């Protein structure tokens, strides 16, 4: 694959195409003129049904989405249902389409879900690690020049008391120097699965010459891209419960229904954040500037850093400016994590490729808060009870109330 990929029509396989990021990404790449194969096993919808959770923004089926996209854009997205844990199915996909690039979102992505109990931890690690292994073997055997663009997480790093570099660290030890993968201190069985993925990908690049870009992404926010805004059938997810939703999404919903914004512990937990539109841009930049054969390239994919308390105070301030009183409350932290820590993560490489960021303060006021307020009547207050999963004891009575609830299931 040449470095001029941006001017070529590529065959791109989007794995996890029914997800929050996967569906907007499939449309975005189709709009750019690429041939897009959208693949998913629809497990995320099944976990909603089993757990009593749902997207605040109404979702349509993949068939409806793909049809609507074709009618509006005049372009085709080729939809396939497949489970990446099934190597025969993965091998058939790669043999049929011979993709130039694979964008891999198809993983269980919730840390609380992975901590419910042993079965959920096993499901998370088998789904994520085995699926990624199958992709690597299919690339080796079917399309050795294919570029794997894999969505990782900044949570792989944890919160070390040193600057977080982009993937690698120059080390001097006992008079010798080397460049090694940055040490990882993940905070859940989900984050551990991502570390296992990163190690497997790094090995495959060294052993087989696979091209790989590992995107250690921060927390993504927002529900609108130029493509999702074209028609309600093209909506993407907005999760707000304590199992699937982010703290920022929860704060926006709590403010809309008049509840205090619940901060876990002291609220000093700091992470990287980026707009959904910037995720589209980052992955497009990676696609158009592919890794070399045998290269395992790592980008830290975020644009701003905030603590949990800073997010809550920002939402509260914006609401007060609208004349609506909003309070912030601290609740016991269900997680095992530092609630105040040093955090300085480098994120220069995507900026060097040309990323032009959006910023949270604009997106919050102009998109997220407006969207949530318009859907406040869809909010089931049980899903805002905090928290549903403890890192030490697993799912609790709130988790039990989530599960098998007709109200929440029917709302989706």
Protein backbone atom coordinates (compact mmCIF):
# COMPACT_ATOMS: atom_id res chain seq x y z
CA UNK A 1 0.00 0.00 0.00
CA UNK A 2 1.47 3.32 -0.97
CA UNK A 3 1.75 6.38 1.24
CA UNK A 4 -0.73 8.06 -1.14
CA UNK A 5 -3.65 6.02 0.23
CA UNK A 6 -5.70 9.19 0.66
CA UNK A 7 -6.07 9.54 -3.12
CA UNK A 8 -7.01 5.89 -3.72
CA UNK A 9 -10.33 4.08 -3.50
CA UNK A 10 -9.64 1.44 -0.87
CA UNK A 11 -11.54 -1.62 0.22
CA UNK A 12 -11.95 -1.08 3.96
CA UNK A 13 -13.48 -3.57 6.38
CA UNK A 14 -15.04 -1.91 9.45
CA UNK A 15 -15.37 -4.45 12.26
CA UNK A 16 -17.85 -3.57 14.99
CA UNK A 17 -19.80 -1.48 12.49
CA UNK A 18 -23.01 -1.50 14.56
CA UNK A 19 -21.29 0.30 17.44
CA UNK A 20 -21.11 3.88 18.68
CA UNK A 21 -17.99 4.67 16.64
CA UNK A 22 -18.18 1.90 14.05
CA UNK A 23 -21.40 3.03 12.36
CA UNK A 24 -20.38 6.70 11.89
CA UNK A 25 -16.97 5.47 10.69
CA UNK A 26 -18.52 3.22 8.06
CA UNK A 27 -20.59 6.12 6.69
CA UNK A 28 -17.66 8.52 6.81
CA UNK A 29 -15.42 6.22 4.79
CA UNK A 30 -18.21 5.50 2.33
CA UNK A 31 -18.75 9.24 1.87
CA UNK A 32 -15.03 9.57 1.08
CA UNK A 33 -15.52 7.11 -1.76
CA UNK A 34 -14.05 3.95 -0.28
CA UNK A 35 -15.61 0.51 -0.63
CA UNK A 36 -16.85 -0.26 2.88
CA UNK A 37 -17.66 -3.70 4.27
CA UNK A 38 -19.49 -3.33 7.59
CA UNK A 39 -19.17 -6.36 9.90
CA UNK A 40 -20.78 -6.98 13.29
CA UNK A 41 -22.33 -9.84 15.28
CA UNK A 42 -24.87 -7.49 16.98
CA UNK A 43 -23.75 -8.62 20.45
CA UNK A 44 -23.99 -5.09 21.84
CA UNK A 45 -27.74 -5.04 21.18
CA UNK A 46 -28.06 -8.46 22.81
CA UNK A 47 -26.22 -7.26 25.92
CA UNK A 48 -28.67 -4.35 26.13
CA UNK A 49 -31.61 -6.76 26.01
CA UNK A 50 -30.06 -9.04 28.62
CA UNK A 51 -29.01 -6.24 30.94
CA UNK A 52 -31.96 -3.86 30.68
CA UNK A 53 -29.93 -0.98 29.22
CA UNK A 54 -30.55 1.03 26.05
CA UNK A 55 -29.35 3.96 23.97
CA UNK A 56 -30.99 7.26 24.84
CA UNK A 57 -30.88 8.14 21.13
CA UNK A 58 -33.23 5.70 19.32
CA UNK A 59 -31.42 3.21 17.08
CA UNK A 60 -32.53 1.51 13.89
CA UNK A 61 -31.43 -1.89 12.66
CA UNK A 62 -28.31 -2.29 10.58
CA UNK A 63 -30.45 -3.19 7.59
CA UNK A 64 -32.46 0.03 7.94
CA UNK A 65 -29.30 2.09 8.44
CA UNK A 66 -27.58 0.67 5.37
CA UNK A 67 -30.67 1.13 3.19
CA UNK A 68 -31.18 4.72 4.35
CA UNK A 69 -27.51 5.52 3.77
CA UNK A 70 -27.76 4.23 0.22
CA UNK A 71 -30.88 6.29 -0.49
CA UNK A 72 -29.39 9.50 0.90
CA UNK A 73 -25.79 9.22 -0.30
CA UNK A 74 -26.13 7.15 -3.45
CA UNK A 75 -23.29 5.00 -2.07
CA UNK A 76 -23.31 1.41 -0.89
CA UNK A 77 -22.18 -0.07 2.41
CA UNK A 78 -21.91 -3.86 2.23
CA UNK A 79 -23.28 -5.33 5.46
CA UNK A 80 -22.21 -8.72 6.81
CA UNK A 81 -23.12 -10.35 10.11
CA UNK A 82 -20.21 -12.40 11.52
CA UNK A 83 -18.60 -13.29 14.84
CA UNK A 84 -14.86 -12.67 14.98
CA UNK A 85 -14.40 -15.53 17.45
CA UNK A 86 -15.26 -17.87 14.57
CA UNK A 87 -12.04 -18.12 12.56
CA UNK A 88 -13.73 -19.82 9.62
CA UNK A 89 -16.10 -16.84 9.30
CA UNK A 90 -13.22 -14.36 9.59
CA UNK A 91 -11.16 -16.25 7.01
CA UNK A 92 -14.09 -16.25 4.57
CA UNK A 93 -14.50 -12.48 4.92
CA UNK A 94 -10.84 -11.81 4.21
CA UNK A 95 -10.80 -14.26 1.31
CA UNK A 96 -13.92 -12.70 -0.24
CA UNK A 97 -13.06 -9.01 0.10
CA UNK A 98 -9.22 -8.90 0.31
CA UNK A 99 -9.30 -5.56 2.18
CA UNK A 100 -6.57 -2.97 1.88
CA UNK A 101 -7.28 -1.95 5.48
CA UNK A 102 -9.21 -3.27 8.47
CA UNK A 103 -10.54 -0.91 11.13
CA UNK A 104 -11.16 -2.96 14.25
CA UNK A 105 -13.73 -1.70 16.78
CA UNK A 106 -15.33 -5.11 17.42
CA UNK A 107 -14.65 -5.55 21.12
CA UNK A 108 -16.54 -5.56 24.40
CA UNK A 109 -15.61 -2.07 25.56
CA UNK A 110 -17.05 -1.61 29.06
CA UNK A 111 -14.81 -1.83 32.13
CA UNK A 112 -17.78 -2.27 34.54
CA UNK A 113 -19.26 -5.02 32.33
CA UNK A 114 -15.95 -6.90 32.58
CA UNK A 115 -16.01 -6.64 36.39
CA UNK A 116 -19.57 -7.96 37.02
CA UNK A 117 -18.39 -11.52 37.71
CA UNK A 118 -16.09 -14.25 36.42
CA UNK A 119 -18.35 -15.01 33.44
CA UNK A 120 -18.30 -11.39 32.24
CA UNK A 121 -14.52 -11.19 32.66
CA UNK A 122 -14.14 -14.37 30.61
CA UNK A 123 -16.57 -13.16 27.94
CA UNK A 124 -14.65 -9.90 27.63
CA UNK A 125 -11.22 -11.45 27.30
CA UNK A 126 -12.24 -14.29 24.98
CA UNK A 127 -14.26 -11.97 22.74
CA UNK A 128 -11.52 -9.35 22.52
CA UNK A 129 -8.30 -11.37 22.50
CA UNK A 130 -9.50 -14.28 20.34
CA UNK A 131 -11.20 -11.97 17.86
CA UNK A 132 -8.04 -9.93 17.40
CA UNK A 133 -5.90 -13.07 17.07
CA UNK A 134 -8.19 -14.35 14.33
CA UNK A 135 -7.86 -11.07 12.45
CA UNK A 136 -4.06 -11.24 12.66
CA UNK A 137 -3.96 -14.78 11.29
CA UNK A 138 -6.39 -13.87 8.49
CA UNK A 139 -4.19 -10.93 7.51
CA UNK A 140 -1.09 -13.15 7.52
CA UNK A 141 -2.70 -15.84 5.40
CA UNK A 142 -4.95 -13.85 3.05
CA UNK A 143 -3.82 -10.21 2.72
CA UNK A 144 -0.31 -9.77 4.14
CA UNK A 145 -0.12 -6.15 2.92
CA UNK A 146 -3.37 -5.18 4.70
CA UNK A 147 -3.14 -2.33 7.23
CA UNK A 148 -4.70 -3.14 10.62
CA UNK A 149 -6.02 -0.05 12.40
CA UNK A 150 -6.96 -1.21 15.89
CA UNK A 151 -8.85 0.81 18.49
CA UNK A 152 -7.03 0.54 21.80
CA UNK A 153 -7.50 2.67 24.90
CA UNK A 154 -5.53 5.15 26.97
CA UNK A 155 -6.65 3.00 29.91
CA UNK A 156 -3.92 0.52 28.98
CA UNK A 157 -1.36 2.88 30.51
CA UNK A 158 -3.09 3.47 33.83
CA UNK A 159 -1.94 6.59 35.69
CA UNK A 160 1.85 6.38 36.08
CA UNK A 161 3.71 9.12 37.93
CA UNK A 162 5.68 9.93 34.75
CA UNK A 163 4.73 11.39 31.38
CA UNK A 164 2.92 8.90 29.14
CA UNK A 165 4.67 8.62 25.80
CA UNK A 166 3.04 7.46 22.56
CA UNK A 167 3.44 3.72 22.80
CA UNK A 168 7.15 3.43 23.44
CA UNK A 169 9.70 4.54 26.02
CA UNK A 170 13.45 5.05 25.69
CA UNK A 171 15.06 3.28 28.65
CA UNK A 172 18.59 3.26 30.06
CA UNK A 173 19.29 0.43 32.50
CA UNK A 174 22.68 -0.71 33.84
CA UNK A 175 24.48 1.25 31.16
CA UNK A 176 22.45 -0.09 28.23
CA UNK A 177 19.70 1.63 26.23
CA UNK A 178 16.65 0.33 24.38
CA UNK A 179 13.29 1.51 23.05
CA UNK A 180 10.55 -0.65 24.55
CA UNK A 181 6.74 -0.64 24.74
CA UNK A 182 5.56 1.78 27.41
CA UNK A 183 4.75 -0.06 30.69
CA UNK A 184 1.06 -0.85 31.08
CA UNK A 185 -0.92 -0.80 34.36
CA UNK A 186 -4.53 -1.49 33.24
CA UNK A 187 -7.43 -0.94 35.62
CA UNK A 188 -9.97 -3.66 34.74
CA UNK A 189 -10.29 -7.00 32.98
CA UNK A 190 -11.47 -5.04 29.94
CA UNK A 191 -8.34 -2.89 29.92
CA UNK A 192 -6.23 -6.00 30.43
CA UNK A 193 -7.76 -7.47 27.27
CA UNK A 194 -6.64 -4.41 25.36
CA UNK A 195 -3.08 -4.84 26.65
CA UNK A 196 -3.12 -8.47 25.50
CA UNK A 197 -4.28 -7.24 22.08
CA UNK A 198 -1.46 -4.71 21.89
CA UNK A 199 1.13 -7.35 22.74
CA UNK A 200 -0.27 -9.76 20.16
CA UNK A 201 -0.32 -7.07 17.47
CA UNK A 202 3.24 -6.00 18.28
CA UNK A 203 4.38 -9.62 18.01
CA UNK A 204 2.60 -10.10 14.66
CA UNK A 205 4.33 -7.05 13.20
CA UNK A 206 7.73 -8.43 14.24
CA UNK A 207 7.06 -12.04 13.28
CA UNK A 208 5.00 -11.66 10.09
CA UNK A 209 5.58 -8.10 8.89
CA UNK A 210 1.97 -7.02 9.54
CA UNK A 211 1.25 -3.30 9.14
CA UNK A 212 -0.46 -2.04 12.30
CA UNK A 213 -1.60 1.20 13.87
CA UNK A 214 -2.67 0.85 17.51
CA UNK A 215 -4.84 3.81 18.53
CA UNK A 216 -4.85 4.35 22.28
CA UNK A 217 -8.01 6.37 22.41
CA UNK A 218 -9.32 8.59 25.17
CA UNK A 219 -12.96 8.94 26.16
CA UNK A 220 -15.14 9.85 23.16
CA UNK A 221 -18.09 12.23 23.46
CA UNK A 222 -20.76 13.55 21.12
CA UNK A 223 -23.51 12.00 19.01
CA UNK A 224 -23.36 13.98 15.78
CA UNK A 225 -21.19 13.72 12.70
CA UNK A 226 -21.98 15.19 9.27
CA UNK A 227 -23.32 11.77 8.26
CA UNK A 228 -25.42 10.91 11.34
CA UNK A 229 -27.11 14.33 11.06
CA UNK A 230 -28.55 13.52 7.64
CA UNK A 231 -31.51 11.40 8.88
CA UNK A 232 -32.77 9.86 12.17
CA UNK A 233 -32.28 6.38 10.68
CA UNK A 234 -28.53 7.09 10.74
CA UNK A 235 -28.29 7.81 14.49
CA UNK A 236 -25.49 6.36 16.58
CA UNK A 237 -25.63 5.33 20.23
CA UNK A 238 -25.78 7.47 23.36
CA UNK A 239 -25.24 5.34 26.48
CA UNK A 240 -25.84 6.96 29.87
CA UNK A 241 -26.11 4.19 32.47
CA UNK A 242 -23.25 3.26 34.80
CA UNK A 243 -22.45 0.08 32.87
CA UNK A 244 -21.97 1.42 29.33
CA UNK A 245 -22.17 5.19 29.60
CA UNK A 246 -19.32 7.58 30.24
CA UNK A 247 -19.28 9.90 33.25
CA UNK A 248 -19.82 12.86 30.91
CA UNK A 249 -22.90 11.29 29.31
CA UNK A 250 -24.27 10.48 32.76
CA UNK A 251 -23.76 14.06 33.93
CA UNK A 252 -25.61 15.45 30.90
CA UNK A 253 -28.57 13.15 31.50
CA UNK A 254 -28.67 13.75 35.26
CA UNK A 255 -28.72 17.50 34.61
CA UNK A 256 -31.55 17.13 32.10
CA UNK A 257 -33.78 15.24 34.56
CA UNK A 258 -32.93 17.40 37.57
CA UNK A 259 -30.69 14.97 39.46
CA UNK A 260 -27.37 15.84 41.12
CA UNK A 261 -24.31 15.03 39.04
CA UNK A 262 -22.73 12.03 40.79
CA UNK A 263 -18.93 12.11 40.93
CA UNK A 264 -17.13 8.91 41.96
CA UNK A 265 -14.99 9.65 45.00
CA UNK A 266 -12.98 12.86 45.02
CA UNK A 267 -13.23 13.29 41.26
CA UNK A 268 -9.54 13.87 40.61
CA UNK A 269 -9.39 10.97 38.14
CA UNK A 270 -8.01 12.53 34.94
CA UNK A 271 -8.31 11.16 31.41
CA UNK A 272 -7.97 12.23 27.79
CA UNK A 273 -11.09 13.15 25.77
CA UNK A 274 -12.01 13.74 22.14
CA UNK A 275 -15.02 14.56 20.01
CA UNK A 276 -16.61 11.79 17.93
CA UNK A 277 -15.86 13.82 14.80
CA UNK A 278 -12.19 13.87 15.76
CA UNK A 279 -12.22 10.09 16.07
CA UNK A 280 -13.40 9.97 12.45
CA UNK A 281 -10.58 12.33 11.48
CA UNK A 282 -7.89 10.44 13.42
CA UNK A 283 -8.75 7.09 11.90
CA UNK A 284 -8.94 8.61 8.42
CA UNK A 285 -5.48 10.10 8.92
CA UNK A 286 -4.16 6.70 9.97
CA UNK A 287 -5.78 5.12 6.91
CA UNK A 288 -4.39 7.71 4.51
CA UNK A 289 -0.90 7.53 6.05
CA UNK A 290 -0.46 3.77 6.58
CA UNK A 291 2.10 2.06 8.76
CA UNK A 292 5.04 0.41 7.00
CA UNK A 293 5.36 -3.34 6.67
CA UNK A 294 6.46 -4.72 10.02
CA UNK A 295 5.68 -1.47 11.86
CA UNK A 296 3.57 -1.36 15.02
CA UNK A 297 2.75 2.33 15.22
CA UNK A 298 1.05 3.73 18.33
CA UNK A 299 -0.92 6.99 18.47
CA UNK A 300 -2.41 8.42 21.67
CA UNK A 301 -5.77 9.55 20.32
CA UNK A 302 -7.25 12.40 22.35
CA UNK A 303 -7.31 16.19 22.25
CA UNK A 304 -7.93 17.45 25.81
CA UNK A 305 -7.52 16.25 29.40
CA UNK A 306 -10.10 16.67 32.17
CA UNK A 307 -10.72 15.31 35.63
CA UNK A 308 -14.12 13.83 36.45
CA UNK A 309 -14.85 16.74 38.78
CA UNK A 310 -13.91 19.27 36.09
CA UNK A 311 -16.42 17.62 33.75
CA UNK A 312 -19.18 17.75 36.34
CA UNK A 313 -18.47 21.40 37.11
CA UNK A 314 -18.43 22.27 33.39
CA UNK A 315 -21.85 20.67 32.82
CA UNK A 316 -23.23 22.35 35.95
CA UNK A 317 -21.91 25.76 34.87
CA UNK A 318 -23.41 25.49 31.39
CA UNK A 319 -26.76 24.51 32.89
CA UNK A 320 -26.69 27.40 35.34
CA UNK A 321 -25.99 29.78 32.46
CA UNK A 322 -29.26 28.51 30.99
CA UNK A 323 -31.01 29.41 34.26
CA UNK A 324 -31.26 25.81 35.52
CA UNK A 325 -29.86 25.03 38.97
CA UNK A 326 -27.59 21.96 38.96
CA UNK A 327 -25.65 20.47 41.88
CA UNK A 328 -22.67 18.14 42.11
CA UNK A 329 -22.64 15.24 44.59
CA UNK A 330 -19.83 12.86 45.53
CA UNK A 331 -20.61 9.15 45.91
CA UNK A 332 -18.37 6.26 47.04
CA UNK A 333 -16.07 5.15 44.26
CA UNK A 334 -16.81 1.57 43.13
CA UNK A 335 -13.49 1.34 41.29
CA UNK A 336 -9.99 0.59 42.53
CA UNK A 337 -8.11 3.63 41.25
CA UNK A 338 -6.21 6.69 42.37
CA UNK A 339 -8.64 9.60 42.84
CA UNK A 340 -5.91 12.19 42.49
CA UNK A 341 -2.77 11.67 40.42
CA UNK A 342 -0.26 13.07 37.97
CA UNK A 343 -1.41 12.74 34.37
CA UNK A 344 0.44 14.08 31.36
CA UNK A 345 -0.01 12.01 28.21
CA UNK A 346 1.67 12.94 24.93
CA UNK A 347 -0.60 13.16 21.87
CA UNK A 348 1.40 14.90 19.18
CA UNK A 349 1.63 12.37 16.33
CA UNK A 350 -1.91 12.78 15.02
CA UNK A 351 -1.62 16.55 15.28
CA UNK A 352 1.53 16.28 13.16
CA UNK A 353 -0.51 14.39 10.53
CA UNK A 354 -2.98 17.28 10.38
CA UNK A 355 -5.68 16.70 13.01
CA UNK A 356 -7.71 19.87 13.66
CA UNK A 357 -9.53 19.28 16.96
CA UNK A 358 -12.99 20.20 18.12
CA UNK A 359 -13.29 21.19 21.77
CA UNK A 360 -15.54 19.94 24.52
CA UNK A 361 -17.02 23.24 25.65
CA UNK A 362 -18.46 23.88 22.18
CA UNK A 363 -19.75 20.35 21.65
CA UNK A 364 -21.38 20.19 25.08
CA UNK A 365 -23.45 23.31 24.60
CA UNK A 366 -24.20 23.02 20.89
CA UNK A 367 -24.89 19.30 20.59
CA UNK A 368 -24.87 17.04 23.64
CA UNK A 369 -26.96 19.04 26.10
CA UNK A 370 -29.46 19.96 23.37
CA UNK A 371 -29.79 16.32 22.29
CA UNK A 372 -30.23 15.02 25.83
CA UNK A 373 -32.82 17.63 26.77
CA UNK A 374 -34.90 16.66 23.75
CA UNK A 375 -34.92 13.01 24.85
CA UNK A 376 -35.32 13.44 28.61
CA UNK A 377 -38.67 11.63 28.59
CA UNK A 378 -36.85 8.45 27.50
CA UNK A 379 -34.69 8.37 30.64
CA UNK A 380 -35.38 5.49 33.03
CA UNK A 381 -34.18 6.79 36.44
CA UNK A 382 -33.22 3.28 37.56
CA UNK A 383 -30.38 3.44 35.04
CA UNK A 384 -28.95 6.47 36.86
CA UNK A 385 -28.70 4.68 40.21
CA UNK A 386 -25.07 4.51 41.27
CA UNK A 387 -23.13 2.33 41.00
CA UNK A 388 -24.17 -1.05 39.56
CA UNK A 389 -20.78 -2.82 39.71
CA UNK A 390 -18.03 -2.80 42.35
CA UNK A 391 -14.45 -3.65 41.39
CA UNK A 392 -14.12 -5.64 44.64
CA UNK A 393 -17.43 -7.48 44.84
CA UNK A 394 -18.87 -7.40 41.30
CA UNK A 395 -22.51 -6.77 40.38
CA UNK A 396 -24.72 -5.59 43.22
CA UNK A 397 -28.42 -4.99 43.84
CA UNK A 398 -28.43 -2.09 41.36
CA UNK A 399 -27.03 -4.45 38.73
CA UNK A 400 -29.85 -6.86 39.59
CA UNK A 401 -32.42 -4.11 39.03
CA UNK A 402 -30.84 -3.36 35.65
CA UNK A 403 -31.28 -6.92 34.43
CA UNK A 404 -34.41 -8.32 32.78
CA UNK A 405 -36.42 -5.11 33.12
CA UNK A 406 -39.26 -4.74 30.65
CA UNK A 407 -39.31 -0.92 30.88
CA UNK A 408 -35.69 -0.45 29.82
CA UNK A 409 -35.77 -3.15 27.18
CA UNK A 410 -38.92 -1.83 25.54
CA UNK A 411 -37.49 1.71 25.45
CA UNK A 412 -34.81 0.60 23.00
